[in-house]
Amino acid sequence: MRRVMVLMIAGLLAASSSVSGQVPGDSLRIRLGPSADWQSGRYVRTDSAGLILRVGLTDQPFHVASIVRAEVWKKSNALVNILGSTAIGGVVWGIGNEIDSDHAPVTGTKGGDIMLGAGVGALVGVISVLVSPGSWKQIVLRVR
């Protein structure tokens, strides 16, 4: 039980990013108060004064203590999304054929129906990548 807890904590710590782990040029957005607007820009560096973001053509410093929330833009893995949707589409269509086996296959064969389901899944995967190419992930602010 203790080993499982240690592995879970280690996984959580590894999953959380920090400012010190960001690469210059990463898209960051920060919030300076609970009801404040997001400040978006490109990460430049972290120094003793705080976090420096490039907003437009100017570099703006922000004190780390004043930042309530920080997020980094992470692009989703398109290949994983499309392949996963393809596999799920084929499996779901195949299971649907087995559950409702009273009707004739749409394409004439069960294998053709599974391929049709995989094609529909691939199309859904492509659409999901086009609609949502990534997302904002919260990061932990730790200055080294």
N, C-alpha and C. Protein backbone atom coordinates (compact mmCIF):
# COMPACT_ATOMS: atom_id res chain seq x y z
N MET A 1 0.83 -1.20 0.00
CA MET A 1 0.00 0.00 0.00
C MET A 1 0.87 1.26 0.00
N ARG A 2 1.92 1.23 0.81
CA ARG A 2 2.82 2.39 0.88
C ARG A 2 3.50 2.62 -0.46
N ARG A 3 3.87 1.54 -1.13
CA ARG A 3 4.55 1.64 -2.41
C ARG A 3 3.63 2.28 -3.45
N VAL A 4 2.34 1.91 -3.41
CA VAL A 4 1.37 2.48 -4.33
C VAL A 4 1.22 3.98 -4.09
N MET A 5 1.16 4.38 -2.81
CA MET A 5 1.02 5.80 -2.48
C MET A 5 2.25 6.59 -2.95
N VAL A 6 3.44 6.03 -2.76
CA VAL A 6 4.67 6.71 -3.18
C VAL A 6 4.67 6.87 -4.70
N LEU A 7 4.25 5.82 -5.43
CA LEU A 7 4.21 5.90 -6.89
C LEU A 7 3.17 6.93 -7.37
N MET A 8 2.03 7.00 -6.68
CA MET A 8 1.01 7.99 -7.06
C MET A 8 1.51 9.40 -6.83
N ILE A 9 2.16 9.65 -5.70
CA ILE A 9 2.69 10.98 -5.42
C ILE A 9 3.79 11.35 -6.40
N ALA A 10 4.66 10.38 -6.71
CA ALA A 10 5.73 10.64 -7.68
C ALA A 10 5.14 10.97 -9.06
N GLY A 11 4.08 10.26 -9.44
CA GLY A 11 3.43 10.54 -10.72
C GLY A 11 2.82 11.91 -10.78
N LEU A 12 2.18 12.32 -9.68
CA LEU A 12 1.59 13.65 -9.63
C LEU A 12 2.65 14.74 -9.71
N LEU A 13 3.75 14.54 -9.02
CA LEU A 13 4.82 15.53 -9.05
C LEU A 13 5.45 15.61 -10.44
N ALA A 14 5.60 14.46 -11.08
CA ALA A 14 6.19 14.46 -12.43
C ALA A 14 5.25 15.09 -13.44
N ALA A 15 3.94 14.97 -13.22
CA ALA A 15 2.97 15.51 -14.18
C ALA A 15 2.83 17.02 -14.09
N SER A 16 3.11 17.61 -12.93
CA SER A 16 2.98 19.05 -12.81
C SER A 16 4.23 19.74 -13.35
N SER A 17 4.02 20.74 -14.15
CA SER A 17 5.13 21.48 -14.73
C SER A 17 5.51 22.62 -13.80
N SER A 18 6.64 23.22 -14.05
CA SER A 18 7.03 24.39 -13.29
C SER A 18 7.55 25.43 -14.27
N VAL A 19 7.59 26.65 -13.82
CA VAL A 19 8.10 27.71 -14.68
C VAL A 19 9.54 27.41 -15.06
N SER A 20 10.30 26.86 -14.12
CA SER A 20 11.70 26.59 -14.41
C SER A 20 11.85 25.51 -15.47
N GLY A 21 10.78 24.74 -15.73
CA GLY A 21 10.83 23.71 -16.75
C GLY A 21 10.34 24.18 -18.10
N GLN A 22 9.98 25.44 -18.23
CA GLN A 22 9.47 25.96 -19.49
C GLN A 22 10.62 26.37 -20.41
N VAL A 23 10.35 26.24 -21.69
CA VAL A 23 11.32 26.61 -22.71
C VAL A 23 10.99 28.01 -23.20
N PRO A 24 11.98 28.88 -23.37
CA PRO A 24 11.68 30.21 -23.91
C PRO A 24 10.91 30.09 -25.22
N GLY A 25 9.84 30.85 -25.32
CA GLY A 25 8.98 30.80 -26.49
C GLY A 25 7.66 30.08 -26.23
N ASP A 26 7.56 29.33 -25.11
CA ASP A 26 6.30 28.68 -24.77
C ASP A 26 5.21 29.72 -24.56
N SER A 27 4.00 29.40 -24.97
CA SER A 27 2.87 30.29 -24.72
C SER A 27 2.39 30.11 -23.29
N LEU A 28 2.39 31.20 -22.53
CA LEU A 28 1.92 31.18 -21.15
C LEU A 28 0.80 32.18 -21.00
N ARG A 29 -0.10 31.89 -20.07
CA ARG A 29 -1.07 32.90 -19.65
C ARG A 29 -1.12 32.87 -18.13
N ILE A 30 -1.19 34.06 -17.56
CA ILE A 30 -1.19 34.18 -16.10
C ILE A 30 -2.36 35.04 -15.66
N ARG A 31 -2.80 34.81 -14.44
CA ARG A 31 -3.87 35.60 -13.84
C ARG A 31 -3.32 36.18 -12.55
N LEU A 32 -3.44 37.50 -12.39
CA LEU A 32 -2.87 38.19 -11.24
C LEU A 32 -3.85 38.31 -10.08
N GLY A 33 -5.08 37.91 -10.25
CA GLY A 33 -6.08 37.95 -9.19
C GLY A 33 -7.24 37.04 -9.58
N PRO A 34 -8.10 36.68 -8.63
CA PRO A 34 -9.18 35.76 -8.94
C PRO A 34 -10.16 36.28 -9.99
N SER A 35 -10.37 37.58 -10.05
CA SER A 35 -11.30 38.13 -11.04
C SER A 35 -10.58 38.94 -12.12
N ALA A 36 -9.26 38.86 -12.15
CA ALA A 36 -8.48 39.61 -13.14
C ALA A 36 -8.51 38.91 -14.49
N ASP A 37 -8.24 39.69 -15.54
CA ASP A 37 -8.16 39.13 -16.89
C ASP A 37 -6.86 38.35 -17.05
N TRP A 38 -6.86 37.42 -17.99
CA TRP A 38 -5.65 36.67 -18.30
C TRP A 38 -4.64 37.57 -19.02
N GLN A 39 -3.38 37.45 -18.67
CA GLN A 39 -2.28 38.10 -19.37
C GLN A 39 -1.56 37.01 -20.16
N SER A 40 -1.59 37.10 -21.48
CA SER A 40 -0.99 36.06 -22.32
C SER A 40 0.27 36.58 -22.98
N GLY A 41 1.21 35.69 -23.18
CA GLY A 41 2.44 36.06 -23.86
C GLY A 41 3.35 34.86 -24.02
N ARG A 42 4.55 35.13 -24.50
CA ARG A 42 5.57 34.09 -24.68
C ARG A 42 6.55 34.16 -23.51
N TYR A 43 6.88 33.00 -22.97
CA TYR A 43 7.82 32.93 -21.85
C TYR A 43 9.21 33.33 -22.34
N VAL A 44 9.83 34.27 -21.61
CA VAL A 44 11.18 34.72 -21.96
C VAL A 44 12.18 34.10 -20.99
N ARG A 45 12.00 34.38 -19.69
CA ARG A 45 12.91 33.84 -18.68
C ARG A 45 12.36 34.11 -17.30
N THR A 46 12.98 33.49 -16.32
CA THR A 46 12.67 33.75 -14.92
C THR A 46 13.95 34.22 -14.27
N ASP A 47 13.88 35.33 -13.56
CA ASP A 47 15.06 35.81 -12.85
C ASP A 47 14.65 36.21 -11.44
N SER A 48 15.53 36.90 -10.73
CA SER A 48 15.25 37.26 -9.34
C SER A 48 14.06 38.21 -9.22
N ALA A 49 13.78 38.98 -10.27
CA ALA A 49 12.64 39.91 -10.23
C ALA A 49 11.32 39.18 -10.43
N GLY A 50 11.34 38.04 -11.08
CA GLY A 50 10.12 37.27 -11.30
C GLY A 50 10.08 36.68 -12.68
N LEU A 51 8.89 36.54 -13.19
CA LEU A 51 8.64 35.92 -14.48
C LEU A 51 8.56 37.01 -15.55
N ILE A 52 9.20 36.79 -16.68
CA ILE A 52 9.18 37.77 -17.76
C ILE A 52 8.48 37.15 -18.97
N LEU A 53 7.40 37.83 -19.40
CA LEU A 53 6.64 37.41 -20.57
C LEU A 53 6.80 38.45 -21.68
N ARG A 54 6.88 37.98 -22.90
CA ARG A 54 6.88 38.89 -24.04
C ARG A 54 5.44 39.03 -24.50
N VAL A 55 4.90 40.21 -24.31
CA VAL A 55 3.53 40.52 -24.71
C VAL A 55 3.63 41.49 -25.88
N GLY A 56 3.28 41.02 -27.06
CA GLY A 56 3.46 41.85 -28.25
C GLY A 56 4.95 42.00 -28.54
N LEU A 57 5.43 43.24 -28.54
CA LEU A 57 6.85 43.49 -28.80
C LEU A 57 7.63 43.85 -27.54
N THR A 58 6.94 43.90 -26.39
CA THR A 58 7.61 44.31 -25.15
C THR A 58 7.68 43.16 -24.16
N ASP A 59 8.75 43.18 -23.35
CA ASP A 59 8.91 42.21 -22.27
C ASP A 59 8.35 42.81 -20.99
N GLN A 60 7.44 42.08 -20.34
CA GLN A 60 6.82 42.57 -19.11
C GLN A 60 7.18 41.65 -17.96
N PRO A 61 7.72 42.22 -16.87
CA PRO A 61 8.01 41.39 -15.69
C PRO A 61 6.78 41.26 -14.80
N PHE A 62 6.63 40.10 -14.18
CA PHE A 62 5.55 39.83 -13.22
C PHE A 62 6.17 39.19 -12.00
N HIS A 63 5.82 39.68 -10.81
CA HIS A 63 6.30 39.07 -9.58
C HIS A 63 5.58 37.74 -9.38
N VAL A 64 6.33 36.71 -9.08
CA VAL A 64 5.74 35.38 -8.93
C VAL A 64 4.72 35.35 -7.80
N ALA A 65 4.97 36.11 -6.74
CA ALA A 65 4.04 36.12 -5.60
C ALA A 65 2.68 36.70 -5.97
N SER A 66 2.62 37.55 -7.00
CA SER A 66 1.35 38.17 -7.37
C SER A 66 0.55 37.32 -8.36
N ILE A 67 1.14 36.25 -8.87
CA ILE A 67 0.46 35.41 -9.85
C ILE A 67 -0.39 34.37 -9.12
N VAL A 68 -1.70 34.40 -9.40
CA VAL A 68 -2.63 33.47 -8.76
C VAL A 68 -2.68 32.14 -9.51
N ARG A 69 -2.62 32.19 -10.85
CA ARG A 69 -2.71 30.98 -11.66
C ARG A 69 -1.88 31.18 -12.92
N ALA A 70 -1.21 30.11 -13.34
CA ALA A 70 -0.43 30.15 -14.57
C ALA A 70 -0.71 28.88 -15.37
N GLU A 71 -0.80 29.05 -16.68
CA GLU A 71 -1.08 27.92 -17.56
C GLU A 71 -0.18 28.00 -18.80
N VAL A 72 0.13 26.84 -19.35
CA VAL A 72 0.95 26.74 -20.56
C VAL A 72 0.12 26.03 -21.62
N TRP A 73 0.29 26.45 -22.89
CA TRP A 73 -0.43 25.83 -24.00
C TRP A 73 0.32 24.57 -24.41
N LYS A 74 -0.39 23.45 -24.40
CA LYS A 74 0.19 22.17 -24.83
C LYS A 74 -0.59 21.67 -26.04
N LYS A 75 0.13 21.40 -27.10
CA LYS A 75 -0.49 20.90 -28.31
C LYS A 75 -0.83 19.42 -28.12
N SER A 76 -2.01 19.01 -28.57
CA SER A 76 -2.39 17.60 -28.43
C SER A 76 -1.68 16.77 -29.50
N ASN A 77 -1.53 15.48 -29.22
CA ASN A 77 -0.87 14.57 -30.15
C ASN A 77 -1.90 14.11 -31.18
N ALA A 78 -1.83 14.65 -32.38
CA ALA A 78 -2.82 14.37 -33.42
C ALA A 78 -2.81 12.89 -33.81
N LEU A 79 -1.65 12.29 -33.92
CA LEU A 79 -1.57 10.89 -34.33
C LEU A 79 -2.26 9.98 -33.32
N VAL A 80 -2.05 10.21 -32.04
CA VAL A 80 -2.69 9.41 -31.01
C VAL A 80 -4.20 9.59 -31.05
N ASN A 81 -4.66 10.84 -31.22
CA ASN A 81 -6.10 11.10 -31.30
C ASN A 81 -6.74 10.37 -32.48
N ILE A 82 -6.12 10.44 -33.64
CA ILE A 82 -6.71 9.85 -34.84
C ILE A 82 -6.67 8.33 -34.77
N LEU A 83 -5.52 7.77 -34.37
CA LEU A 83 -5.43 6.30 -34.27
C LEU A 83 -6.36 5.75 -33.20
N GLY A 84 -6.46 6.44 -32.07
CA GLY A 84 -7.36 5.99 -31.01
C GLY A 84 -8.81 6.03 -31.45
N SER A 85 -9.21 7.10 -32.13
CA SER A 85 -10.58 7.20 -32.63
C SER A 85 -10.87 6.14 -33.68
N THR A 86 -9.88 5.83 -34.51
CA THR A 86 -10.04 4.79 -35.52
C THR A 86 -10.29 3.44 -34.87
N ALA A 87 -9.47 3.10 -33.88
CA ALA A 87 -9.62 1.82 -33.19
C ALA A 87 -10.95 1.73 -32.46
N ILE A 88 -11.31 2.79 -31.77
CA ILE A 88 -12.57 2.80 -31.02
C ILE A 88 -13.76 2.69 -31.97
N GLY A 89 -13.71 3.39 -33.11
CA GLY A 89 -14.80 3.30 -34.08
C GLY A 89 -14.99 1.90 -34.61
N GLY A 90 -13.89 1.22 -34.94
CA GLY A 90 -13.98 -0.16 -35.43
C GLY A 90 -14.51 -1.11 -34.38
N VAL A 91 -14.02 -0.97 -33.14
CA VAL A 91 -14.47 -1.85 -32.05
C VAL A 91 -15.94 -1.63 -31.74
N VAL A 92 -16.36 -0.38 -31.64
CA VAL A 92 -17.75 -0.08 -31.32
C VAL A 92 -18.67 -0.60 -32.43
N TRP A 93 -18.30 -0.40 -33.69
CA TRP A 93 -19.14 -0.88 -34.79
C TRP A 93 -19.20 -2.41 -34.78
N GLY A 94 -18.08 -3.06 -34.51
CA GLY A 94 -18.06 -4.52 -34.44
C GLY A 94 -18.91 -5.05 -33.30
N ILE A 95 -18.83 -4.44 -32.13
CA ILE A 95 -19.66 -4.85 -30.99
C ILE A 95 -21.13 -4.60 -31.30
N GLY A 96 -21.43 -3.48 -31.93
CA GLY A 96 -22.82 -3.20 -32.32
C GLY A 96 -23.37 -4.24 -33.27
N ASN A 97 -22.56 -4.71 -34.20
CA ASN A 97 -22.99 -5.77 -35.11
C ASN A 97 -23.25 -7.07 -34.38
N GLU A 98 -22.43 -7.39 -33.39
CA GLU A 98 -22.61 -8.64 -32.64
C GLU A 98 -23.84 -8.57 -31.75
N ILE A 99 -24.11 -7.41 -31.17
CA ILE A 99 -25.28 -7.28 -30.29
C ILE A 99 -26.57 -7.36 -31.11
N ASP A 100 -26.59 -6.67 -32.25
CA ASP A 100 -27.78 -6.65 -33.09
C ASP A 100 -27.47 -7.42 -34.37
N SER A 101 -27.40 -8.75 -34.26
CA SER A 101 -27.00 -9.56 -35.41
C SER A 101 -28.17 -9.98 -36.28
N ASP A 102 -29.36 -9.43 -36.03
CA ASP A 102 -30.54 -9.80 -36.81
C ASP A 102 -30.54 -9.17 -38.20
N HIS A 103 -29.86 -8.07 -38.38
CA HIS A 103 -29.89 -7.38 -39.67
C HIS A 103 -28.66 -7.74 -40.51
N ALA A 104 -28.77 -7.48 -41.80
CA ALA A 104 -27.65 -7.74 -42.70
C ALA A 104 -26.59 -6.66 -42.53
N PRO A 105 -25.31 -7.00 -42.71
CA PRO A 105 -24.25 -5.98 -42.62
C PRO A 105 -24.46 -4.86 -43.65
N VAL A 106 -24.12 -3.67 -43.29
CA VAL A 106 -24.31 -2.50 -44.15
C VAL A 106 -23.48 -2.63 -45.42
N THR A 107 -22.26 -3.08 -45.31
CA THR A 107 -21.37 -3.19 -46.47
C THR A 107 -21.42 -4.55 -47.12
N GLY A 108 -22.13 -5.48 -46.54
CA GLY A 108 -22.21 -6.84 -47.09
C GLY A 108 -21.44 -7.85 -46.28
N THR A 109 -20.41 -7.40 -45.54
CA THR A 109 -19.62 -8.30 -44.69
C THR A 109 -19.39 -7.65 -43.33
N LYS A 110 -19.17 -8.49 -42.32
CA LYS A 110 -18.88 -7.94 -40.99
C LYS A 110 -17.55 -7.20 -40.98
N GLY A 111 -16.55 -7.73 -41.69
CA GLY A 111 -15.26 -7.05 -41.76
C GLY A 111 -15.36 -5.69 -42.42
N GLY A 112 -16.19 -5.61 -43.47
CA GLY A 112 -16.41 -4.32 -44.13
C GLY A 112 -17.09 -3.33 -43.21
N ASP A 113 -18.01 -3.82 -42.40
CA ASP A 113 -18.68 -2.95 -41.44
C ASP A 113 -17.70 -2.43 -40.39
N ILE A 114 -16.81 -3.31 -39.94
CA ILE A 114 -15.81 -2.88 -38.95
C ILE A 114 -14.89 -1.82 -39.57
N MET A 115 -14.51 -2.01 -40.83
CA MET A 115 -13.69 -1.00 -41.52
C MET A 115 -14.45 0.31 -41.69
N LEU A 116 -15.75 0.22 -41.95
CA LEU A 116 -16.57 1.43 -42.04
C LEU A 116 -16.58 2.16 -40.70
N GLY A 117 -16.74 1.41 -39.61
CA GLY A 117 -16.69 2.00 -38.28
C GLY A 117 -15.34 2.64 -37.99
N ALA A 118 -14.27 1.98 -38.43
CA ALA A 118 -12.94 2.55 -38.25
C ALA A 118 -12.78 3.84 -39.05
N GLY A 119 -13.35 3.87 -40.25
CA GLY A 119 -13.29 5.08 -41.07
C GLY A 119 -14.05 6.23 -40.43
N VAL A 120 -15.23 5.92 -39.88
CA VAL A 120 -16.00 6.95 -39.18
C VAL A 120 -15.22 7.45 -37.97
N GLY A 121 -14.58 6.51 -37.24
CA GLY A 121 -13.77 6.90 -36.08
C GLY A 121 -12.60 7.79 -36.48
N ALA A 122 -11.95 7.46 -37.60
CA ALA A 122 -10.83 8.28 -38.07
C ALA A 122 -11.31 9.68 -38.43
N LEU A 123 -12.47 9.76 -39.07
CA LEU A 123 -13.03 11.07 -39.42
C LEU A 123 -13.33 11.88 -38.17
N VAL A 124 -13.90 11.24 -37.15
CA VAL A 124 -14.16 11.93 -35.88
C VAL A 124 -12.85 12.38 -35.25
N GLY A 125 -11.80 11.55 -35.33
CA GLY A 125 -10.50 11.93 -34.78
C GLY A 125 -9.90 13.14 -35.48
N VAL A 126 -10.00 13.18 -36.81
CA VAL A 126 -9.48 14.33 -37.57
C VAL A 126 -10.25 15.60 -37.21
N ILE A 127 -11.56 15.48 -37.11
CA ILE A 127 -12.37 16.65 -36.75
C ILE A 127 -12.03 17.14 -35.36
N SER A 128 -11.82 16.21 -34.42
CA SER A 128 -11.50 16.64 -33.05
C SER A 128 -10.14 17.33 -32.99
N VAL A 129 -9.18 16.89 -33.80
CA VAL A 129 -7.88 17.56 -33.83
C VAL A 129 -8.00 18.95 -34.45
N LEU A 130 -8.82 19.08 -35.50
CA LEU A 130 -9.00 20.38 -36.14
C LEU A 130 -9.74 21.36 -35.24
N VAL A 131 -10.72 20.86 -34.49
CA VAL A 131 -11.50 21.73 -33.61
C VAL A 131 -10.71 22.11 -32.37
N SER A 132 -9.99 21.16 -31.80
CA SER A 132 -9.25 21.42 -30.56
C SER A 132 -7.81 20.91 -30.70
N PRO A 133 -6.91 21.75 -31.25
CA PRO A 133 -5.54 21.30 -31.47
C PRO A 133 -4.69 21.23 -30.20
N GLY A 134 -5.19 21.69 -29.09
CA GLY A 134 -4.43 21.66 -27.84
C GLY A 134 -5.27 22.21 -26.72
N SER A 135 -4.63 22.40 -25.56
CA SER A 135 -5.36 22.93 -24.42
C SER A 135 -4.39 23.59 -23.45
N TRP A 136 -4.94 24.40 -22.56
CA TRP A 136 -4.15 25.06 -21.53
C TRP A 136 -3.99 24.12 -20.35
N LYS A 137 -2.78 23.94 -19.86
CA LYS A 137 -2.48 23.08 -18.71
C LYS A 137 -1.92 23.95 -17.60
N GLN A 138 -2.45 23.76 -16.40
CA GLN A 138 -1.98 24.55 -15.26
C GLN A 138 -0.56 24.12 -14.89
N ILE A 139 0.26 25.10 -14.53
CA ILE A 139 1.62 24.81 -14.08
C ILE A 139 1.80 25.35 -12.67
N VAL A 140 2.76 24.77 -11.98
CA VAL A 140 3.11 25.19 -10.63
C VAL A 140 4.25 26.20 -10.75
N LEU A 141 4.11 27.32 -10.08
CA LEU A 141 5.15 28.35 -10.14
C LEU A 141 6.20 28.09 -9.07
N ARG A 142 7.35 27.63 -9.54
CA ARG A 142 8.51 27.44 -8.66
C ARG A 142 9.69 28.09 -9.36
N VAL A 143 10.29 29.02 -8.73
CA VAL A 143 11.45 29.69 -9.30
C VAL A 143 12.70 29.12 -8.67
N ARG A 144 13.59 28.63 -9.53
CA ARG A 144 14.84 28.04 -9.02
C ARG A 144 15.93 29.06 -9.00
